[in-house]
Amino acid sequence: MIVCVCRRVSDREITRHAHAGMSFDDIQFELGVATQCGQCECTARCLVEQCHASQPVAAIDNASCTDQPANRTERPLVWNSSFRSQPA
């Protein structure tokens, strides 16, 4: 899954670097994650924290991020790559 749309950084890239022992700051410098609009920073930080906590698989749970409101009622945005606008 793409975590940072601006820099096209996936969760796999982030977790691979985190499992290699890199900190969030190191990963941010190396991959450029969370250096443009900043919308991905919470998710990227959560991934790094989960990897450093010796969890075998990093699960993305935006509700556990401290930057996110506790009572989110809106639905998550889903990228639909097969969507094509129909000619009028």
C-alpha atoms as a PDB file:
ATOM      1  CA  MET A   1       0.000   0.000   0.000  1.00  0.00           C
ATOM      2  CA  ILE A   2       1.269   3.473  -0.813  1.00  0.00           C
ATOM      3  CA  VAL A   3       1.669   5.450   2.409  1.00  0.00           C
ATOM      4  CA  CYS A   4       3.272   8.609   1.010  1.00  0.00           C
ATOM      5  CA  VAL A   5       1.568   9.603  -2.217  1.00  0.00           C
ATOM      6  CA  CYS A   6       3.810  12.639  -2.762  1.00  0.00           C
ATOM      7  CA  ARG A   7       6.997  10.540  -2.778  1.00  0.00           C
ATOM      8  CA  ARG A   8       5.375   7.219  -3.727  1.00  0.00           C
ATOM      9  CA  VAL A   9       6.643   5.342  -0.675  1.00  0.00           C
ATOM     10  CA  SER A  10       4.978   2.069   0.264  1.00  0.00           C
ATOM     11  CA  ASP A  11       4.427   0.482   3.657  1.00  0.00           C
ATOM     12  CA  ARG A  12       6.785  -2.316   2.585  1.00  0.00           C
ATOM     13  CA  GLU A  13       9.624   0.124   1.951  1.00  0.00           C
ATOM     14  CA  ILE A  14       9.094   1.779   5.335  1.00  0.00           C
ATOM     15  CA  THR A  15       8.933  -1.518   7.229  1.00  0.00           C
ATOM     16  CA  ARG A  16      11.977  -2.889   5.387  1.00  0.00           C
ATOM     17  CA  HIS A  17      14.034   0.132   6.461  1.00  0.00           C
ATOM     18  CA  ALA A  18      12.638   0.012  10.012  1.00  0.00           C
ATOM     19  CA  HIS A  19      13.469  -3.699  10.342  1.00  0.00           C
ATOM     20  CA  ALA A  20      16.998  -2.803   9.218  1.00  0.00           C
ATOM     21  CA  GLY A  21      17.239  -0.650  12.357  1.00  0.00           C
ATOM     22  CA  MET A  22      16.606   2.782  10.878  1.00  0.00           C
ATOM     23  CA  SER A  23      14.753   5.402  12.912  1.00  0.00           C
ATOM     24  CA  PHE A  24      11.871   7.436  11.514  1.00  0.00           C
ATOM     25  CA  ASP A  25      14.217  10.396  10.956  1.00  0.00           C
ATOM     26  CA  ASP A  26      16.639   8.162   9.033  1.00  0.00           C
ATOM     27  CA  ILE A  27      13.806   6.742   6.919  1.00  0.00           C
ATOM     28  CA  GLN A  28      12.443  10.221   6.292  1.00  0.00           C
ATOM     29  CA  PHE A  29      15.859  11.376   5.084  1.00  0.00           C
ATOM     30  CA  GLU A  30      16.420   8.256   2.959  1.00  0.00           C
ATOM     31  CA  LEU A  31      12.970   7.920   1.345  1.00  0.00           C
ATOM     32  CA  GLY A  32      11.564  11.445   1.629  1.00  0.00           C
ATOM     33  CA  VAL A  33       8.433  10.209   3.402  1.00  0.00           C
ATOM     34  CA  ALA A  34       6.430  12.974   5.132  1.00  0.00           C
ATOM     35  CA  THR A  35       8.510  15.770   3.632  1.00  0.00           C
ATOM     36  CA  GLN A  36       5.901  17.256   1.274  1.00  0.00           C
ATOM     37  CA  CYS A  37       2.315  17.636   2.483  1.00  0.00           C
ATOM     38  CA  GLY A  38       2.769  15.691   5.746  1.00  0.00           C
ATOM     39  CA  GLN A  39      -0.487  13.737   5.545  1.00  0.00           C
ATOM     40  CA  CYS A  40       1.358  10.420   5.787  1.00  0.00           C
ATOM     41  CA  GLU A  41       3.543  11.230   8.787  1.00  0.00           C
ATOM     42  CA  CYS A  42       1.303   9.637  11.421  1.00  0.00           C
ATOM     43  CA  THR A  43       0.906   6.407   9.471  1.00  0.00           C
ATOM     44  CA  ALA A  44       4.617   6.235   8.662  1.00  0.00           C
ATOM     45  CA  ARG A  45       5.584   6.861  12.298  1.00  0.00           C
ATOM     46  CA  CYS A  46       3.139   4.176  13.463  1.00  0.00           C
ATOM     47  CA  LEU A  47       4.670   1.676  11.027  1.00  0.00           C
ATOM     48  CA  VAL A  48       8.169   2.416  12.295  1.00  0.00           C
ATOM     49  CA  GLU A  49       7.065   2.150  15.935  1.00  0.00           C
ATOM     50  CA  GLN A  50       5.377  -1.187  15.287  1.00  0.00           C
ATOM     51  CA  CYS A  51       8.480  -2.556  13.589  1.00  0.00           C
ATOM     52  CA  HIS A  52      10.718  -1.395  16.429  1.00  0.00           C
ATOM     53  CA  ALA A  53       8.350  -3.062  18.911  1.00  0.00           C
ATOM     54  CA  SER A  54       9.434  -6.415  17.410  1.00  0.00           C
ATOM     55  CA  GLN A  55       6.048  -7.186  15.948  1.00  0.00           C
ATOM     56  CA  PRO A  56       6.338  -9.707  13.094  1.00  0.00           C
ATOM     57  CA  VAL A  57       3.918  -7.865  10.805  1.00  0.00           C
ATOM     58  CA  ALA A  58       3.244  -4.153  10.798  1.00  0.00           C
ATOM     59  CA  ALA A  59      -0.498  -3.547  10.740  1.00  0.00           C
ATOM     60  CA  ILE A  60      -1.692  -0.101   9.773  1.00  0.00           C
ATOM     61  CA  ASP A  61      -4.242   1.196  12.233  1.00  0.00           C
ATOM     62  CA  ASN A  62      -4.829   4.905  11.815  1.00  0.00           C
ATOM     63  CA  ALA A  63      -7.039   4.958  14.914  1.00  0.00           C
ATOM     64  CA  SER A  64      -3.983   4.248  17.083  1.00  0.00           C
ATOM     65  CA  CYS A  65      -2.110   7.279  15.766  1.00  0.00           C
ATOM     66  CA  THR A  66      -2.049  10.141  18.219  1.00  0.00           C
ATOM     67  CA  ASP A  67      -2.561  12.750  15.488  1.00  0.00           C
ATOM     68  CA  GLN A  68      -5.907  11.290  14.478  1.00  0.00           C
ATOM     69  CA  PRO A  69      -9.190  12.193  16.220  1.00  0.00           C
ATOM     70  CA  ALA A  70     -10.552   9.389  18.388  1.00  0.00           C
ATOM     71  CA  ASN A  71     -14.092   9.527  16.979  1.00  0.00           C
ATOM     72  CA  ARG A  72     -13.627   9.448  13.235  1.00  0.00           C
ATOM     73  CA  THR A  73     -16.937   8.889  11.515  1.00  0.00           C
ATOM     74  CA  GLU A  74     -15.895   9.454   7.919  1.00  0.00           C
ATOM     75  CA  ARG A  75     -14.963   6.530   5.755  1.00  0.00           C
ATOM     76  CA  PRO A  76     -11.330   6.035   4.737  1.00  0.00           C
ATOM     77  CA  LEU A  77     -10.378   7.163   1.259  1.00  0.00           C
ATOM     78  CA  VAL A  78      -9.710   4.319  -1.130  1.00  0.00           C
ATOM     79  CA  TRP A  79      -7.738   4.731  -4.322  1.00  0.00           C
ATOM     80  CA  ASN A  80      -9.518   3.122  -7.238  1.00  0.00           C
ATOM     81  CA  SER A  81      -6.978   2.699 -10.018  1.00  0.00           C
ATOM     82  CA  SER A  82      -9.538   1.181 -12.363  1.00  0.00           C
ATOM     83  CA  PHE A  83     -11.753   4.290 -12.324  1.00  0.00           C
ATOM     84  CA  ARG A  84     -11.873   5.978 -15.672  1.00  0.00           C
ATOM     85  CA  SER A  85     -13.919   9.044 -16.392  1.00  0.00           C
ATOM     86  CA  GLN A  86     -16.523   8.415 -19.029  1.00  0.00           C
ATOM     87  CA  PRO A  87     -16.658  10.777 -22.018  1.00  0.00           C
ATOM     88  CA  ALA A  88     -19.676  13.086 -21.941  1.00  0.00           C
END
